[in-house]
N, C-alpha and C. Protein backbone atom coordinates (compact mmCIF):
# COMPACT_ATOMS: atom_id res chain seq x y z
N MET A 1 143.24 55.26 56.89
CA MET A 1 142.23 54.31 56.96
C MET A 1 140.85 55.61 56.21
N SER A 2 140.50 55.23 55.19
CA SER A 2 139.58 56.39 54.48
C SER A 2 138.15 55.85 54.71
N ALA A 3 136.93 56.94 54.65
CA ALA A 3 136.16 56.89 54.97
C ALA A 3 135.32 57.96 54.92
N THR A 4 133.78 58.58 55.88
CA THR A 4 133.31 59.65 55.66
C THR A 4 132.92 59.46 57.14
N TRP A 5 133.80 60.89 57.93
CA TRP A 5 134.30 60.83 59.06
C TRP A 5 133.20 61.83 59.67
N TYR A 6 132.51 61.86 60.73
CA TYR A 6 131.27 63.08 61.00
C TYR A 6 132.43 63.23 62.17
N GLU A 7 132.20 64.65 63.00
CA GLU A 7 132.62 65.18 63.82
C GLU A 7 131.64 65.20 64.90
N CYS A 8 131.64 64.86 65.97
CA CYS A 8 130.52 64.73 66.78
C CYS A 8 130.46 66.05 68.23
N LYS A 9 130.33 66.63 68.60
CA LYS A 9 130.32 67.54 69.70
C LYS A 9 129.64 66.87 70.84
N VAL A 10 130.15 66.94 71.97
CA VAL A 10 129.24 65.81 72.93
C VAL A 10 129.74 66.67 74.30
N LYS A 11 128.31 67.08 75.34
CA LYS A 11 128.74 67.61 76.11
C LYS A 11 128.29 66.73 77.72
N TYR A 12 129.12 66.62 78.40
CA TYR A 12 128.56 65.86 79.57
C TYR A 12 129.46 66.48 80.94
N ARG A 13 129.34 65.87 82.15
CA ARG A 13 130.05 65.98 83.43
C ARG A 13 131.27 65.25 83.26
N LYS A 14 132.45 65.94 83.67
CA LYS A 14 133.60 65.62 83.74
C LYS A 14 134.03 65.88 84.95
N ILE A 15 135.46 65.03 85.52
CA ILE A 15 136.07 65.01 86.47
C ILE A 15 137.27 65.73 86.09
N ASN A 16 137.92 66.70 86.53
CA ASN A 16 139.06 67.07 85.99
C ASN A 16 140.18 66.13 86.95
N GLU A 17 141.34 66.59 86.62
CA GLU A 17 142.82 66.08 87.52
C GLU A 17 142.31 66.37 88.91
N SER A 18 142.05 67.58 89.40
CA SER A 18 141.69 67.70 90.42
C SER A 18 140.57 67.29 91.55
N GLY A 19 139.70 66.44 90.61
CA GLY A 19 138.98 65.71 91.32
C GLY A 19 137.03 66.05 91.44
N VAL A 20 137.55 67.17 90.38
CA VAL A 20 136.39 68.71 90.13
C VAL A 20 135.42 68.05 88.98
N GLN A 21 134.12 68.35 89.81
CA GLN A 21 133.36 67.71 88.27
C GLN A 21 132.95 69.43 87.49
N LYS A 22 133.07 69.37 85.96
CA LYS A 22 132.89 70.09 85.56
C LYS A 22 132.12 69.25 84.30
N MET A 23 131.75 70.53 83.46
CA MET A 23 130.71 70.36 82.24
C MET A 23 132.10 70.52 81.08
N VAL A 24 131.85 69.98 80.13
CA VAL A 24 132.94 70.06 79.70
C VAL A 24 132.16 69.60 77.98
N THR A 25 132.31 70.08 77.21
CA THR A 25 132.40 69.57 75.59
C THR A 25 133.38 69.34 74.77
N GLU A 26 133.33 68.43 74.07
CA GLU A 26 134.63 67.54 73.53
C GLU A 26 133.97 67.16 72.52
N PRO A 27 134.75 67.04 71.05
CA PRO A 27 134.61 66.14 69.61
C PRO A 27 135.01 64.84 69.70
N TYR A 28 134.42 64.31 68.84
CA TYR A 28 134.77 62.89 69.02
C TYR A 28 134.44 62.84 67.33
N LEU A 29 135.18 61.46 66.63
CA LEU A 29 135.00 61.58 65.05
C LEU A 29 133.82 60.03 65.22
N VAL A 30 132.82 59.83 64.47
CA VAL A 30 132.62 58.34 64.21
C VAL A 30 132.25 58.52 62.47
N ASP A 31 132.70 57.41 62.02
CA ASP A 31 132.41 56.79 60.83
C ASP A 31 131.25 56.39 60.40
N ALA A 32 130.31 56.82 59.43
CA ALA A 32 129.11 57.38 59.15
C ALA A 32 129.19 56.69 57.88
N ILE A 33 127.23 56.75 57.23
CA ILE A 33 127.24 57.49 56.08
C ILE A 33 125.85 58.31 55.86
N SER A 34 125.71 58.88 57.01
CA SER A 34 124.73 60.18 57.24
C SER A 34 124.97 60.71 58.11
N TYR A 35 124.07 61.63 59.08
CA TYR A 35 124.41 62.37 59.87
C TYR A 35 123.51 61.45 60.74
N THR A 36 122.47 60.83 60.20
CA THR A 36 121.47 60.09 61.09
C THR A 36 122.13 58.72 61.96
N GLU A 37 122.82 58.67 61.33
CA GLU A 37 123.73 57.03 61.63
C GLU A 37 124.61 57.40 62.46
N ALA A 38 125.14 59.10 62.27
CA ALA A 38 125.99 59.52 62.98
C ALA A 38 125.99 60.01 64.11
N GLU A 39 124.50 60.16 64.64
CA GLU A 39 124.15 60.27 65.78
C GLU A 39 123.51 59.28 66.52
N THR A 40 123.19 58.77 65.92
CA THR A 40 123.04 56.86 66.48
C THR A 40 124.21 56.22 66.85
N ARG A 41 125.50 56.46 66.48
CA ARG A 41 126.50 55.87 67.32
C ARG A 41 127.42 56.32 67.51
N ILE A 42 127.30 58.02 67.86
CA ILE A 42 128.13 58.48 68.92
C ILE A 42 127.59 58.57 70.03
N ASN A 43 126.04 58.30 69.83
CA ASN A 43 125.30 57.68 71.39
C ASN A 43 125.50 56.50 71.73
N GLU A 44 125.28 55.40 71.10
CA GLU A 44 126.06 54.07 71.34
C GLU A 44 127.06 54.24 71.81
N GLU A 45 128.46 55.04 71.08
CA GLU A 45 129.77 55.05 71.78
C GLU A 45 129.61 55.69 72.89
N MET A 46 129.43 56.92 73.04
CA MET A 46 129.46 57.94 74.07
C MET A 46 128.88 56.76 75.76
N SER A 47 127.41 55.96 75.21
CA SER A 47 126.77 55.89 76.46
C SER A 47 127.82 54.41 76.99
N ALA A 48 128.65 53.80 76.25
CA ALA A 48 129.69 52.86 76.93
C ALA A 48 130.47 53.75 77.49
N TYR A 49 131.31 54.76 77.43
CA TYR A 49 132.26 55.32 77.77
C TYR A 49 131.88 56.67 79.25
N VAL A 50 130.50 57.13 79.12
CA VAL A 50 130.04 57.99 79.60
C VAL A 50 129.31 57.45 80.73
N SER A 51 128.85 57.59 82.07
CA SER A 51 128.14 56.85 83.07
C SER A 51 126.82 57.94 83.12
N GLU A 52 127.52 58.94 82.77
CA GLU A 52 126.02 60.08 83.39
C GLU A 52 126.01 60.70 81.98
N GLU A 53 124.71 61.27 82.24
CA GLU A 53 123.64 61.77 81.19
C GLU A 53 124.66 63.05 79.97
N PHE A 54 124.60 62.70 78.93
CA PHE A 54 125.49 63.56 78.15
C PHE A 54 124.07 63.92 76.77
N LYS A 55 124.84 65.15 76.35
CA LYS A 55 123.95 65.85 75.21
C LYS A 55 124.78 66.15 74.07
N ILE A 56 124.52 65.53 72.64
CA ILE A 56 125.15 65.66 71.45
C ILE A 56 125.11 67.22 70.89
N MET A 57 126.09 68.21 71.05
CA MET A 57 125.51 69.40 70.81
C MET A 57 125.50 69.83 69.10
N ASN A 58 126.86 68.94 68.52
CA ASN A 58 126.35 69.14 67.31
C ASN A 58 127.36 68.28 66.25
N ILE A 59 126.84 67.87 65.43
CA ILE A 59 127.28 67.14 64.52
C ILE A 59 127.37 67.51 63.04
N LYS A 60 128.88 67.11 62.40
CA LYS A 60 129.09 68.21 61.26
C LYS A 60 130.38 67.17 60.32
N VAL A 61 130.56 67.04 59.16
CA VAL A 61 131.60 66.32 58.27
C VAL A 61 132.65 66.69 58.58
N ALA A 62 133.99 66.04 58.70
CA ALA A 62 135.11 66.15 58.95
C ALA A 62 135.85 66.32 57.62
N ASN A 63 136.76 67.73 57.78
CA ASN A 63 137.32 67.30 56.26
C ASN A 63 138.70 66.47 56.52
N PHE A 64 138.76 65.51 56.86
CA PHE A 64 139.85 64.58 57.22
C PHE A 64 139.76 63.64 55.99
N ALA A 65 140.78 63.43 54.92
CA ALA A 65 141.01 62.39 54.17
C ALA A 65 140.90 61.27 54.54
N GLU A 66 141.67 61.08 55.68
CA GLU A 66 142.29 60.03 56.06
C GLU A 66 142.79 60.17 57.42
N ILE A 67 142.64 58.87 58.35
CA ILE A 67 142.57 58.67 59.73
C ILE A 67 143.86 57.69 59.78
N HIS A 68 144.97 58.32 60.56
CA HIS A 68 145.80 56.80 60.69
C HIS A 68 146.72 57.29 62.24
N PRO A 69 146.29 55.78 62.93
CA PRO A 69 146.48 55.62 64.25
C PRO A 69 148.21 55.21 64.24
N PHE A 70 148.86 55.25 65.56
CA PHE A 70 150.06 54.77 65.35
C PHE A 70 150.36 54.17 67.04
N GLU A 71 150.92 52.97 66.73
CA GLU A 71 151.18 52.99 68.16
C GLU A 71 151.88 53.51 69.07
N ASN A 72 151.67 53.67 70.58
CA ASN A 72 152.10 53.94 71.68
C ASN A 72 151.71 55.59 71.39
N SER A 73 151.30 56.05 70.88
CA SER A 73 150.69 57.43 70.51
C SER A 73 149.50 57.85 71.35
N ASP A 74 149.12 59.11 72.20
CA ASP A 74 147.86 59.05 72.76
C ASP A 74 147.58 61.00 72.35
N ARG A 75 147.82 61.08 71.38
CA ARG A 75 147.38 62.67 71.19
C ARG A 75 147.26 62.14 69.24
N TRP A 76 146.37 63.25 69.03
CA TRP A 76 145.70 63.26 67.59
C TRP A 76 146.45 64.45 67.19
N PHE A 77 147.22 64.67 65.58
CA PHE A 77 147.36 65.42 64.82
C PHE A 77 146.94 66.09 63.94
N LYS A 78 146.58 67.40 63.59
CA LYS A 78 145.98 67.63 62.16
C LYS A 78 147.26 67.88 61.05
N SER A 79 147.13 66.99 59.66
CA SER A 79 148.40 67.38 59.01
C SER A 79 148.05 67.94 57.52
N LYS A 80 148.64 69.26 57.42
CA LYS A 80 148.03 69.72 56.33
C LYS A 80 149.23 69.24 55.05
N VAL A 81 148.64 68.65 53.95
CA VAL A 81 149.09 67.94 52.97
C VAL A 81 149.29 68.58 51.69
N SER A 82 150.23 69.04 51.16
CA SER A 82 149.77 69.90 49.80
C SER A 82 150.69 68.64 48.67
N LEU A 83 149.55 68.14 48.00
CA LEU A 83 150.05 67.54 46.70
C LEU A 83 150.40 67.98 45.68
N ILE A 84 151.57 67.71 44.90
CA ILE A 84 152.27 68.25 43.92
C ILE A 84 151.61 67.88 42.84
N ALA A 85 151.59 68.46 41.80
CA ALA A 85 151.24 67.94 40.15
C ALA A 85 152.08 68.81 39.52
N TYR A 86 152.30 68.20 38.09
CA TYR A 86 152.82 69.29 37.11
C TYR A 86 152.05 69.29 35.76
N ASP A 87 152.10 70.21 35.77
CA ASP A 87 151.33 70.52 34.20
C ASP A 87 151.89 70.77 33.24
N GLU A 88 151.77 69.47 32.34
CA GLU A 88 153.04 69.97 31.43
C GLU A 88 153.12 70.64 30.53
N GLU A 89 151.86 71.05 30.11
CA GLU A 89 151.72 72.26 29.21
C GLU A 89 151.91 73.38 29.67
N SER A 90 151.94 73.82 30.76
CA SER A 90 152.27 75.40 30.95
C SER A 90 153.93 75.17 31.54
N GLY A 91 153.71 74.12 31.91
CA GLY A 91 155.32 73.98 32.64
C GLY A 91 155.15 74.41 34.36
N LYS A 92 153.79 74.27 34.57
CA LYS A 92 153.74 74.74 36.32
C LYS A 92 153.29 73.88 37.02
N GLU A 93 153.71 73.86 38.44
CA GLU A 93 152.85 73.18 39.13
C GLU A 93 151.50 73.40 39.91
N ARG A 94 150.89 72.74 40.39
CA ARG A 94 149.81 72.92 40.80
C ARG A 94 149.69 72.32 42.11
N LYS A 95 149.08 72.69 42.95
CA LYS A 95 149.09 72.00 44.69
C LYS A 95 147.25 71.78 44.61
N SER A 96 147.12 70.75 45.47
CA SER A 96 145.72 70.45 45.74
C SER A 96 146.33 69.95 47.44
N ASN A 97 145.36 70.74 48.30
CA ASN A 97 146.14 70.01 49.94
C ASN A 97 144.76 69.25 50.36
N MET A 98 144.92 68.29 51.26
CA MET A 98 144.77 67.34 52.20
C MET A 98 145.25 67.55 53.34
N TYR A 99 143.88 67.13 54.45
CA TYR A 99 144.23 67.15 55.59
C TYR A 99 144.56 65.45 56.12
N LEU A 100 144.67 65.09 56.91
CA LEU A 100 144.81 63.97 57.73
C LEU A 100 145.01 63.95 58.97
N LEU A 101 144.46 62.96 59.58
CA LEU A 101 144.49 63.06 61.25
C LEU A 101 145.63 61.89 61.77
N ILE A 102 146.67 62.40 62.43
CA ILE A 102 147.73 61.43 62.76
C ILE A 102 147.89 61.24 64.46
N GLN A 103 148.13 59.96 64.75
CA GLN A 103 148.03 60.25 66.10
C GLN A 103 149.71 60.42 66.64
N ALA A 104 149.96 61.05 67.47
CA ALA A 104 151.37 61.17 67.95
C ALA A 104 151.23 61.52 69.08
N ASN A 105 152.60 61.71 69.38
CA ASN A 105 153.23 62.43 70.97
C ASN A 105 153.20 63.81 70.84
N ASP A 106 154.01 64.01 69.72
CA ASP A 106 154.06 65.54 69.44
C ASP A 106 154.35 66.23 68.38
N VAL A 107 154.42 67.38 67.83
CA VAL A 107 154.65 67.71 66.80
C VAL A 107 155.28 67.31 65.53
N LYS A 108 156.77 66.83 66.43
CA LYS A 108 158.04 66.17 65.06
C LYS A 108 157.08 64.98 64.75
N GLU A 109 157.08 64.07 65.58
CA GLU A 109 156.58 63.02 65.69
C GLU A 109 155.29 62.69 64.75
N ALA A 110 154.56 64.11 65.19
CA ALA A 110 153.76 64.08 64.08
C ALA A 110 153.65 63.77 62.61
N PHE A 111 154.89 64.82 62.46
CA PHE A 111 155.41 65.21 61.32
C PHE A 111 156.07 63.66 60.73
N ASP A 112 157.05 63.03 61.54
CA ASP A 112 157.14 61.83 60.66
C ASP A 112 156.53 60.74 60.58
N ASN A 113 155.67 60.73 61.17
CA ASN A 113 154.16 59.65 61.18
C ASN A 113 153.70 60.25 59.88
N THR A 114 153.13 61.62 59.26
CA THR A 114 152.76 61.80 58.41
C THR A 114 153.36 60.94 57.49
N ASN A 115 155.01 61.44 57.43
CA ASN A 115 155.69 60.37 56.06
C ASN A 115 155.47 59.55 56.03
N THR A 116 155.32 58.52 57.37
CA THR A 116 155.03 57.46 57.10
C THR A 116 153.85 56.72 56.11
N ALA A 117 152.91 57.84 56.38
CA ALA A 117 151.29 57.50 56.27
C ALA A 117 151.46 57.99 54.39
N MET A 118 152.30 58.51 54.32
CA MET A 118 152.12 59.18 52.72
C MET A 118 153.14 58.39 51.79
N LYS A 119 153.68 57.03 52.94
CA LYS A 119 155.53 57.10 51.93
C LYS A 119 154.75 55.76 50.78
N ASP A 120 153.69 55.60 50.50
CA ASP A 120 153.34 55.15 49.61
C ASP A 120 152.62 55.82 48.03
N THR A 121 152.60 57.18 48.45
CA THR A 121 152.22 58.18 47.19
C THR A 121 153.03 58.28 46.36
N MET A 122 152.47 58.27 44.98
CA MET A 122 153.36 58.49 43.88
C MET A 122 153.86 59.58 43.96
N GLY A 123 153.62 61.01 43.88
CA GLY A 123 153.73 61.85 43.67
C GLY A 123 154.56 62.53 44.28
N ASP A 124 155.18 64.05 44.19
CA ASP A 124 155.34 64.77 45.29
C ASP A 124 154.66 65.82 46.14
N TYR A 125 154.90 65.95 47.60
CA TYR A 125 154.48 66.44 48.28
C TYR A 125 155.20 67.00 49.10
N THR A 126 154.34 68.05 50.02
CA THR A 126 155.07 68.73 51.48
C THR A 126 153.83 68.81 52.21
N ILE A 127 154.46 69.10 53.58
CA ILE A 127 154.07 69.00 54.87
C ILE A 127 153.69 70.76 55.38
N PRO A 128 153.16 71.64 54.91
CA PRO A 128 153.27 73.52 55.47
C PRO A 128 152.63 73.05 56.87
N ALA A 129 152.16 72.60 57.42
CA ALA A 129 151.13 72.79 59.13
C ALA A 129 150.63 71.58 59.17
N ILE A 130 151.04 71.61 60.82
CA ILE A 130 150.53 70.51 61.40
C ILE A 130 150.26 71.12 62.91
N ALA A 131 149.05 71.23 63.47
CA ALA A 131 148.67 71.35 64.49
C ALA A 131 147.34 70.08 65.49
N GLU A 132 147.81 70.15 66.63
CA GLU A 132 147.24 69.20 67.57
C GLU A 132 145.79 69.81 67.51
N SER A 133 145.45 68.33 67.37
CA SER A 133 143.76 68.59 67.11
C SER A 133 142.89 68.18 68.40
N PRO A 134 141.69 69.00 68.56
CA PRO A 134 141.04 68.59 69.81
C PRO A 134 140.16 67.35 69.91
N ILE A 135 139.83 66.35 68.84
CA ILE A 135 139.88 65.01 68.48
C ILE A 135 140.24 64.20 69.95
N MET A 136 139.33 64.06 70.93
CA MET A 136 139.28 62.75 72.13
C MET A 136 139.39 61.56 71.42
N ASP A 137 138.59 61.03 70.24
CA ASP A 137 138.77 60.11 70.10
C ASP A 137 137.79 59.52 68.82
N VAL A 138 138.29 58.52 67.98
CA VAL A 138 138.03 58.37 66.88
C VAL A 138 137.26 56.64 66.58
N PHE A 139 136.01 56.50 66.45
CA PHE A 139 135.34 55.31 66.08
C PHE A 139 134.83 54.75 64.97
N PRO A 140 135.62 53.80 64.29
CA PRO A 140 135.76 53.46 63.25
C PRO A 140 134.23 52.71 63.09
N TYR A 141 133.71 52.37 61.77
CA TYR A 141 132.56 51.73 61.60
C TYR A 141 132.89 50.14 61.37
N PHE A 142 132.02 49.13 61.92
CA PHE A 142 132.24 47.80 61.54
C PHE A 142 130.74 47.29 61.06
N SER A 143 130.62 46.71 59.72
CA SER A 143 129.80 46.63 58.97
C SER A 143 129.24 45.15 59.41
N GLY A 144 130.08 44.15 60.06
CA GLY A 144 129.84 43.08 60.48
C GLY A 144 130.62 41.68 59.28
N GLU A 145 131.13 42.41 58.26
CA GLU A 145 131.90 41.43 57.10
C GLU A 145 132.93 41.25 57.68
N GLU A 146 133.07 39.68 57.46
CA GLU A 146 134.34 39.00 58.14
C GLU A 146 135.95 39.32 57.81
N GLY A 147 135.82 39.80 56.83
CA GLY A 147 136.95 40.80 55.77
C GLY A 147 137.43 42.11 56.71
N GLU A 148 136.50 42.90 57.10
CA GLU A 148 136.65 44.08 57.57
C GLU A 148 137.02 44.02 59.03
N LEU A 149 136.27 42.72 59.83
CA LEU A 149 136.71 42.61 61.15
C LEU A 149 138.44 42.68 61.63
N SER A 150 139.07 42.43 60.96
CA SER A 150 140.78 42.15 61.33
C SER A 150 141.29 43.56 61.05
N GLN A 151 140.47 44.50 60.00
CA GLN A 151 141.04 45.78 59.83
C GLN A 151 140.48 46.40 60.93
N VAL A 152 139.44 46.95 61.19
CA VAL A 152 138.98 47.36 62.43
C VAL A 152 139.52 47.17 63.56
N GLU A 153 139.73 46.06 64.17
CA GLU A 153 140.46 45.66 64.68
C GLU A 153 141.91 45.82 65.23
N ARG A 154 142.34 46.31 63.96
CA ARG A 154 143.94 46.19 64.26
C ARG A 154 143.96 47.70 64.35
N PHE A 155 142.93 48.45 63.90
CA PHE A 155 142.86 50.02 64.02
C PHE A 155 142.64 50.23 65.57
N LYS A 156 141.57 49.54 66.10
CA LYS A 156 140.89 49.99 67.50
C LYS A 156 142.24 49.69 68.34
N THR A 157 143.32 48.52 68.43
CA THR A 157 144.27 48.22 68.71
C THR A 157 145.41 49.02 68.75
N ILE A 158 145.72 49.94 67.50
CA ILE A 158 147.00 50.81 67.70
C ILE A 158 146.69 52.05 67.80
N LYS A 159 145.17 52.17 67.76
CA LYS A 159 144.53 53.30 68.31
C LYS A 159 144.73 53.57 70.00
N ASP A 160 144.51 52.64 70.19
CA ASP A 160 144.58 52.70 71.87
C ASP A 160 145.51 52.04 72.82
N SER A 161 146.43 51.82 71.72
CA SER A 161 148.09 51.43 72.31
C SER A 161 148.17 52.54 73.16
N GLY A 162 148.45 53.77 73.11
CA GLY A 162 148.63 54.72 73.83
C GLY A 162 148.92 54.84 75.39
N ALA A 163 149.91 55.05 75.83
CA ALA A 163 149.95 55.56 77.39
C ALA A 163 148.96 56.52 77.91
N PRO A 164 148.68 56.94 79.39
CA PRO A 164 148.69 58.26 79.36
C PRO A 164 149.93 59.56 79.55
N ALA A 165 149.52 60.50 79.03
CA ALA A 165 150.43 61.45 78.82
C ALA A 165 151.42 61.40 79.62
N GLU A 166 151.48 61.61 80.84
CA GLU A 166 152.37 61.59 81.99
C GLU A 166 153.03 60.46 82.07
N GLU A 167 152.63 59.68 81.48
CA GLU A 167 153.28 58.09 81.48
C GLU A 167 154.24 57.97 79.96
N ILE A 168 154.31 58.90 79.13
CA ILE A 168 155.02 58.73 78.32
C ILE A 168 156.58 59.34 78.20
N VAL A 169 157.57 58.37 77.91
CA VAL A 169 158.62 58.54 77.94
C VAL A 169 159.32 58.79 76.98
N GLU A 170 159.77 60.07 75.86
CA GLU A 170 160.42 59.89 75.02
C GLU A 170 161.58 59.76 74.29
N GLU A 171 161.44 59.39 73.55
CA GLU A 171 163.10 59.24 73.01
C GLU A 171 163.77 60.21 72.40
N GLU A 172 164.86 60.37 72.70
CA GLU A 172 165.88 60.95 71.40
C GLU A 172 165.47 60.37 69.59
N LYS A 173 165.36 61.28 68.72
CA LYS A 173 165.37 60.22 67.66
C LYS A 173 165.80 61.36 66.56
N PRO A 174 166.62 60.49 65.01
CA PRO A 174 167.04 61.07 64.55
C PRO A 174 166.22 62.51 64.02
N VAL A 175 166.80 63.44 63.17
CA VAL A 175 165.53 64.21 62.60
C VAL A 175 165.59 63.66 61.05
N ALA A 176 164.40 63.81 60.56
CA ALA A 176 164.21 63.08 59.47
C ALA A 176 164.73 64.16 57.80
N GLU A 177 165.18 63.62 56.86
CA GLU A 177 165.43 63.82 55.80
C GLU A 177 164.89 65.03 55.53
N GLU A 178 163.35 65.60 55.56
CA GLU A 178 162.55 66.61 55.59
C GLU A 178 162.92 67.49 57.05
N THR A 179 163.76 67.96 57.15
CA THR A 179 163.86 68.49 59.17
C THR A 179 162.73 69.50 58.62
N LEU A 180 162.36 69.65 60.09
CA LEU A 180 161.25 70.47 60.69
C LEU A 180 161.97 72.14 60.60
N THR A 181 161.04 72.84 59.78
CA THR A 181 161.50 74.09 59.69
C THR A 181 160.53 75.13 60.37
N GLU A 182 160.59 76.32 60.45
CA GLU A 182 160.05 77.32 60.95
C GLU A 182 158.75 76.99 60.34
N GLU A 183 158.76 76.79 59.08
CA GLU A 183 157.42 76.46 58.03
C GLU A 183 156.52 75.41 58.57
N ILE A 184 156.96 74.26 59.25
CA ILE A 184 156.05 73.12 59.91
C ILE A 184 156.02 73.52 61.55
N VAL A 185 154.96 74.37 61.65
CA VAL A 185 154.63 74.81 62.91
C VAL A 185 153.13 74.27 63.61
N LYS A 186 153.25 74.54 64.56
CA LYS A 186 151.15 74.41 64.98
C LYS A 186 150.77 76.08 64.58
N GLU A 187 149.49 75.63 64.07
CA GLU A 187 148.98 76.55 63.75
C GLU A 187 148.35 76.95 64.78
N THR A 188 148.01 78.53 65.14
CA THR A 188 147.43 78.59 66.67
C THR A 188 145.89 78.03 66.25
N GLU A 189 144.83 77.72 67.87
CA GLU A 189 143.73 77.91 67.47
C GLU A 189 142.71 78.73 66.30
N GLU A 190 142.81 80.03 66.50
CA GLU A 190 142.05 80.76 65.56
C GLU A 190 142.54 80.57 64.59
N GLU A 191 143.50 79.87 64.02
CA GLU A 191 144.03 79.76 62.25
C GLU A 191 143.34 78.48 61.90
N VAL A 192 143.37 77.35 63.27
CA VAL A 192 142.33 76.16 63.14
C VAL A 192 141.05 76.34 62.67
N LEU A 193 140.28 76.88 63.71
CA LEU A 193 138.98 77.10 64.00
C LEU A 193 138.47 77.88 62.55
N GLN A 194 139.52 79.18 61.96
CA GLN A 194 138.71 80.13 60.62
C GLN A 194 138.99 78.63 59.49
N GLU A 195 140.11 77.75 59.81
CA GLU A 195 140.22 77.24 58.23
C GLU A 195 139.03 76.09 58.20
N GLU A 196 138.65 75.61 59.69
CA GLU A 196 137.88 74.33 59.38
C GLU A 196 136.30 75.36 59.34
N GLU A 197 135.96 76.42 59.51
CA GLU A 197 135.27 77.49 59.31
C GLU A 197 134.65 77.18 57.46
N THR A 198 136.14 77.91 57.06
CA THR A 198 135.74 77.94 55.60
C THR A 198 136.04 76.61 54.60
N GLU A 199 136.88 75.55 55.61
CA GLU A 199 136.88 74.52 54.41
C GLU A 199 136.02 73.09 54.63
N GLU A 200 135.63 73.04 55.94
CA GLU A 200 134.51 71.92 56.32
C GLU A 200 133.26 72.16 55.91
N GLU A 201 132.72 70.80 55.64
CA GLU A 201 131.93 70.65 54.83
C GLU A 201 130.62 70.82 56.21
N THR A 202 129.50 71.57 56.41
CA THR A 202 128.62 71.49 57.43
C THR A 202 127.39 71.47 56.87
N MET A 203 126.30 70.62 57.29
CA MET A 203 125.02 70.27 56.90
C MET A 203 123.89 69.97 57.87
N PRO A 204 122.48 70.27 58.10
CA PRO A 204 121.60 69.74 59.12
C PRO A 204 121.46 67.72 58.36
N ILE A 205 120.49 67.90 59.32
CA ILE A 205 119.75 66.14 58.82
C ILE A 205 119.37 66.09 57.80
N ASP A 206 118.82 67.17 57.52
CA ASP A 206 117.96 67.09 55.62
C ASP A 206 118.94 67.73 54.90
N GLU A 207 120.36 67.64 55.16
CA GLU A 207 121.55 67.54 54.29
C GLU A 207 121.22 68.80 53.17
N SER A 208 120.50 70.18 53.27
CA SER A 208 120.51 71.28 53.06
C SER A 208 121.67 71.60 53.11
N PRO A 209 122.36 72.47 52.47
CA PRO A 209 123.72 72.88 52.35
C PRO A 209 124.24 74.14 53.61
N GLU A 210 125.50 74.08 53.96
CA GLU A 210 125.85 75.50 54.37
C GLU A 210 125.24 75.40 56.16
N LYS A 211 124.90 74.17 56.63
CA LYS A 211 124.45 74.61 57.91
C LYS A 211 124.91 73.23 58.97
N GLU A 212 124.83 73.66 60.12
CA GLU A 212 124.96 72.54 60.98
C GLU A 212 123.96 72.28 61.60
N TYR A 213 124.02 70.57 61.46
CA TYR A 213 123.04 70.00 62.49
C TYR A 213 123.48 70.05 64.00
N LYS A 214 122.25 70.87 64.76
CA LYS A 214 122.63 71.26 66.28
C LYS A 214 121.39 70.62 66.67
N PHE A 215 121.83 70.62 67.79
CA PHE A 215 120.69 69.81 69.26
C PHE A 215 120.33 70.61 69.96
């Protein structure tokens, strides 16, 4: 699903598995056309999700080209896809990178689901890295148009179809033709953070460059 996605970090009090309340800051994605709309939308979504007071700590443009939910999956993974183009004059190949947010239960399934998401791609590509994303949930935008309703509802249905992680029983699956190798590994949290700092566009509400919209 292609759109402009904003990553919103929300701070609120959450009860952990031990039944203890703890302040957490979690990232969510909303589909919006501006920082102002992203703030409004995340407030609406979190009001329905969180019963206690919460605070929007940060909003920035996410660098995901596409979001792909998959049934019976409850985690999100960031897949780096390198598109390969051939320069006929020089005889050399050029690569351009993009990032997909893929729903899956583990890294191998995220690799398979990334290939599924890329199945209609005409050119060649590789998947050099996959890392589990800290994104907690994704909220697509619905404009109210009848033709868009079925698409958004299907997105939500697929996204929300995953069972809690402790209830998932993974089945053995055959290895894809493009076998996972040591090159297809999880990036460390430090690498992900460094990559996001250098590649994601961040701007304040007045949309001047190279700043983030903080509260």
